[in-house]
């Protein structure tokens, strides 16, 4: 659902950006600093290993307009340690969140909760006389629904990993294309795959192919 930003009068909605970054110290700090300087709110940010040891993969959910999402994408690509960035919001993609939820139980509610979680295909990963821990994976809407169903029983604590995303089909997101010697091409700092680039004054301009 989109909302209108009263400042810019642009419709706002969550945008999902996937970035491949060099697996080096300080990269996460640089990315977070970029969002802080630009005033964009990060709804979730996850970082994990890829099949290439030198690269990590970030999935960033930012609540902003489509125009500002393109600006974020271009600014991310400008960072030295960022190899590539894609906005997968409107692409056919698998998007998943994972949550661990500890909920209060007693002899009566224990079986009620187990039966309820079977509907969501959630897993019971720990049980003690006073509580149980539930693991649930799926789209954000599914996690939100499980949380609402468990609230009446009493949620003790909860943690969510944040969204991860992967485009469906044969397309893949692996960063630089290897050359004939198997070496990856480094991206040219200041130009992005999204059609934007930065001029000498670091102003965002549209690439016109001229």
Protein backbone atom coordinates (compact mmCIF):
# COMPACT_ATOMS: atom_id res chain seq x y z
CA UNK A 1 0.00 0.00 0.00
CA UNK A 2 1.38 3.40 -0.99
CA UNK A 3 1.24 6.57 1.08
CA UNK A 4 1.89 10.14 -0.03
CA UNK A 5 4.89 11.96 1.43
CA UNK A 6 3.57 15.34 2.60
CA UNK A 7 6.94 16.96 1.93
CA UNK A 8 7.46 15.82 -1.66
CA UNK A 9 3.85 14.84 -2.53
CA UNK A 10 5.24 11.59 -3.96
CA UNK A 11 3.57 8.23 -3.27
CA UNK A 12 5.64 6.18 -0.84
CA UNK A 13 5.86 2.40 -0.56
CA UNK A 14 8.43 -0.22 0.50
CA UNK A 15 11.12 -0.84 -2.12
CA UNK A 16 13.38 -3.90 -2.03
CA UNK A 17 16.98 -3.34 -3.12
CA UNK A 18 19.51 -6.16 -3.49
CA UNK A 19 23.20 -5.22 -3.46
CA UNK A 20 26.35 -7.25 -3.97
CA UNK A 21 29.19 -5.80 -1.92
CA UNK A 22 32.81 -6.65 -1.30
CA UNK A 23 33.26 -8.76 1.81
CA UNK A 24 35.43 -6.23 3.64
CA UNK A 25 35.29 -4.49 7.04
CA UNK A 26 33.43 -1.19 7.10
CA UNK A 27 31.14 -1.78 4.12
CA UNK A 28 27.98 -2.00 6.24
CA UNK A 29 28.94 1.22 8.03
CA UNK A 30 29.34 3.03 4.69
CA UNK A 31 25.94 1.82 3.48
CA UNK A 32 24.20 2.80 6.74
CA UNK A 33 25.92 6.21 6.67
CA UNK A 34 24.63 6.80 3.15
CA UNK A 35 21.04 6.26 4.27
CA UNK A 36 21.57 8.46 7.32
CA UNK A 37 22.98 11.33 5.25
CA UNK A 38 20.18 11.12 2.70
CA UNK A 39 17.48 10.81 5.36
CA UNK A 40 16.02 7.53 4.10
CA UNK A 41 14.41 5.15 6.58
CA UNK A 42 15.59 1.52 6.44
CA UNK A 43 12.75 -0.86 7.31
CA UNK A 44 15.04 -3.89 7.26
CA UNK A 45 18.59 -4.75 6.22
CA UNK A 46 20.04 -8.25 5.97
CA UNK A 47 23.58 -9.27 5.04
CA UNK A 48 24.77 -12.77 4.20
CA UNK A 49 27.42 -14.79 2.41
CA UNK A 50 27.14 -15.70 -1.27
CA UNK A 51 28.63 -18.53 -3.32
CA UNK A 52 31.60 -16.20 -3.95
CA UNK A 53 33.73 -15.79 -0.79
CA UNK A 54 34.80 -12.27 -1.78
CA UNK A 55 31.19 -11.01 -2.01
CA UNK A 56 28.34 -10.53 0.45
CA UNK A 57 24.72 -9.90 -0.43
CA UNK A 58 22.57 -7.20 1.14
CA UNK A 59 18.79 -7.01 0.99
CA UNK A 60 17.54 -3.56 1.95
CA UNK A 61 13.89 -2.56 2.36
CA UNK A 62 13.43 1.20 2.26
CA UNK A 63 10.15 3.11 2.56
CA UNK A 64 10.27 5.79 -0.11
CA UNK A 65 8.90 6.92 -3.47
CA UNK A 66 9.86 5.30 -6.78
CA UNK A 67 11.96 8.34 -7.73
CA UNK A 68 13.80 8.34 -4.41
CA UNK A 69 14.33 4.56 -4.67
CA UNK A 70 16.19 5.16 -7.95
CA UNK A 71 18.22 7.82 -6.18
CA UNK A 72 19.08 5.39 -3.37
CA UNK A 73 20.04 2.74 -5.93
CA UNK A 74 22.33 5.12 -7.79
CA UNK A 75 23.93 6.41 -4.58
CA UNK A 76 24.57 2.86 -3.39
CA UNK A 77 26.26 2.00 -6.67
CA UNK A 78 28.53 5.00 -6.23
CA UNK A 79 30.09 3.48 -3.11
CA UNK A 80 33.49 1.96 -3.85
CA UNK A 81 32.79 -1.43 -2.24
CA UNK A 82 29.40 -1.93 -3.93
CA UNK A 83 29.65 -4.19 -6.99
CA UNK A 84 26.04 -4.05 -8.23
CA UNK A 85 22.56 -3.00 -7.10
CA UNK A 86 19.11 -4.08 -8.29
CA UNK A 87 15.62 -2.91 -7.38
CA UNK A 88 13.56 -6.13 -7.34
CA UNK A 89 10.36 -4.57 -5.98
CA UNK A 90 8.35 -5.07 -9.16
CA UNK A 91 10.23 -8.07 -10.51
CA UNK A 92 8.91 -11.63 -10.10
CA UNK A 93 10.87 -12.67 -7.03
CA UNK A 94 10.78 -14.96 -4.03
CA UNK A 95 10.82 -12.84 -0.86
CA UNK A 96 11.06 -14.42 2.57
CA UNK A 97 11.29 -13.34 6.19
CA UNK A 98 12.04 -15.55 9.20
CA UNK A 99 10.84 -15.02 12.76
CA UNK A 100 11.44 -16.70 16.10
CA UNK A 101 8.56 -16.08 18.50
CA UNK A 102 8.50 -17.09 22.16
CA UNK A 103 4.93 -17.35 23.45
CA UNK A 104 3.43 -18.17 26.86
CA UNK A 105 1.68 -21.53 27.20
CA UNK A 106 -0.11 -23.67 29.76
CA UNK A 107 -1.62 -27.15 29.61
CA UNK A 108 -4.70 -25.88 27.80
CA UNK A 109 -3.14 -23.50 25.29
CA UNK A 110 -0.16 -25.69 24.35
CA UNK A 111 -2.17 -27.89 21.99
CA UNK A 112 -4.22 -24.97 20.70
CA UNK A 113 -1.07 -23.17 19.60
CA UNK A 114 0.44 -26.31 18.03
CA UNK A 115 -2.70 -26.86 15.95
CA UNK A 116 -2.81 -23.20 14.99
CA UNK A 117 0.82 -23.21 13.87
CA UNK A 118 0.20 -26.30 11.73
CA UNK A 119 -2.07 -24.15 9.58
CA UNK A 120 0.84 -21.76 8.93
CA UNK A 121 3.34 -24.64 8.53
CA UNK A 122 5.38 -23.14 11.35
CA UNK A 123 7.82 -25.20 13.44
CA UNK A 124 7.95 -25.64 17.20
CA UNK A 125 11.68 -25.51 17.93
CA UNK A 126 11.64 -25.38 21.75
CA UNK A 127 9.12 -26.25 24.47
CA UNK A 128 9.18 -25.83 28.23
CA UNK A 129 6.32 -25.86 30.79
CA UNK A 130 5.78 -22.08 30.59
CA UNK A 131 6.65 -21.22 26.98
CA UNK A 132 7.46 -22.43 23.48
CA UNK A 133 9.52 -20.98 20.64
CA UNK A 134 7.98 -20.97 17.18
CA UNK A 135 9.92 -20.63 13.93
CA UNK A 136 7.96 -19.31 10.95
CA UNK A 137 9.24 -18.51 7.47
CA UNK A 138 7.45 -16.84 4.59
CA UNK A 139 6.36 -13.51 3.11
CA UNK A 140 6.13 -10.60 5.52
CA UNK A 141 2.32 -10.73 5.44
CA UNK A 142 2.40 -14.33 6.69
CA UNK A 143 4.72 -13.43 9.57
CA UNK A 144 2.48 -10.49 10.49
CA UNK A 145 -0.55 -12.78 10.50
CA UNK A 146 1.14 -15.31 12.81
CA UNK A 147 2.12 -12.53 15.21
CA UNK A 148 -1.46 -11.26 15.37
CA UNK A 149 -2.78 -14.78 16.04
CA UNK A 150 -0.29 -15.32 18.89
CA UNK A 151 -0.79 -11.98 20.63
CA UNK A 152 -3.81 -13.14 22.69
CA UNK A 153 -1.69 -15.96 24.17
CA UNK A 154 1.06 -13.56 25.22
CA UNK A 155 4.23 -13.03 23.20
CA UNK A 156 7.27 -12.97 25.50
CA UNK A 157 9.81 -11.95 22.87
CA UNK A 158 10.30 -12.02 19.12
CA UNK A 159 13.07 -11.54 16.57
CA UNK A 160 12.82 -11.24 12.78
CA UNK A 161 15.67 -11.59 10.33
CA UNK A 162 14.38 -9.08 7.80
CA UNK A 163 13.52 -9.73 4.18
CA UNK A 164 15.70 -11.65 1.72
CA UNK A 165 14.85 -11.78 -1.98
CA UNK A 166 15.82 -13.66 -5.13
CA UNK A 167 14.47 -13.11 -8.65
CA UNK A 168 12.54 -16.06 -10.08
CA UNK A 169 13.44 -17.97 -13.24
CA UNK A 170 16.77 -18.45 -14.98
CA UNK A 171 17.94 -14.90 -14.34
CA UNK A 172 20.57 -14.51 -11.67
CA UNK A 173 22.34 -11.76 -9.79
CA UNK A 174 26.05 -12.48 -9.57
CA UNK A 175 27.70 -9.11 -10.06
CA UNK A 176 30.52 -8.52 -12.56
CA UNK A 177 30.70 -10.73 -15.63
CA UNK A 178 33.96 -12.74 -15.71
CA UNK A 179 36.32 -12.10 -18.61
CA UNK A 180 37.94 -14.80 -20.73
CA UNK A 181 40.53 -15.40 -18.00
CA UNK A 182 37.84 -15.87 -15.37
CA UNK A 183 38.49 -12.53 -13.69
CA UNK A 184 35.56 -10.34 -12.70
CA UNK A 185 35.30 -6.85 -14.15
CA UNK A 186 35.17 -4.18 -11.48
CA UNK A 187 32.35 -1.67 -11.90
CA UNK A 188 33.22 1.86 -12.86
CA UNK A 189 32.66 4.02 -9.82
CA UNK A 190 30.08 6.68 -10.55
CA UNK A 191 28.01 4.79 -13.10
CA UNK A 192 25.12 2.51 -12.32
CA UNK A 193 23.30 -0.31 -14.07
CA UNK A 194 20.01 1.47 -13.44
CA UNK A 195 20.61 4.10 -16.12
CA UNK A 196 21.85 6.84 -13.79
CA UNK A 197 25.34 8.23 -13.34
CA UNK A 198 27.04 10.97 -11.38
CA UNK A 199 28.69 13.99 -12.95
CA UNK A 200 31.82 15.69 -11.63
CA UNK A 201 29.79 17.57 -9.02
CA UNK A 202 28.24 14.31 -7.72
CA UNK A 203 24.83 15.30 -9.03
CA UNK A 204 22.52 12.51 -10.15
CA UNK A 205 21.82 12.67 -13.89
CA UNK A 206 20.12 10.33 -16.33
CA UNK A 207 22.26 8.42 -18.81
CA UNK A 208 21.06 9.22 -22.33
CA UNK A 209 23.45 7.00 -24.24
CA UNK A 210 25.11 10.02 -25.87
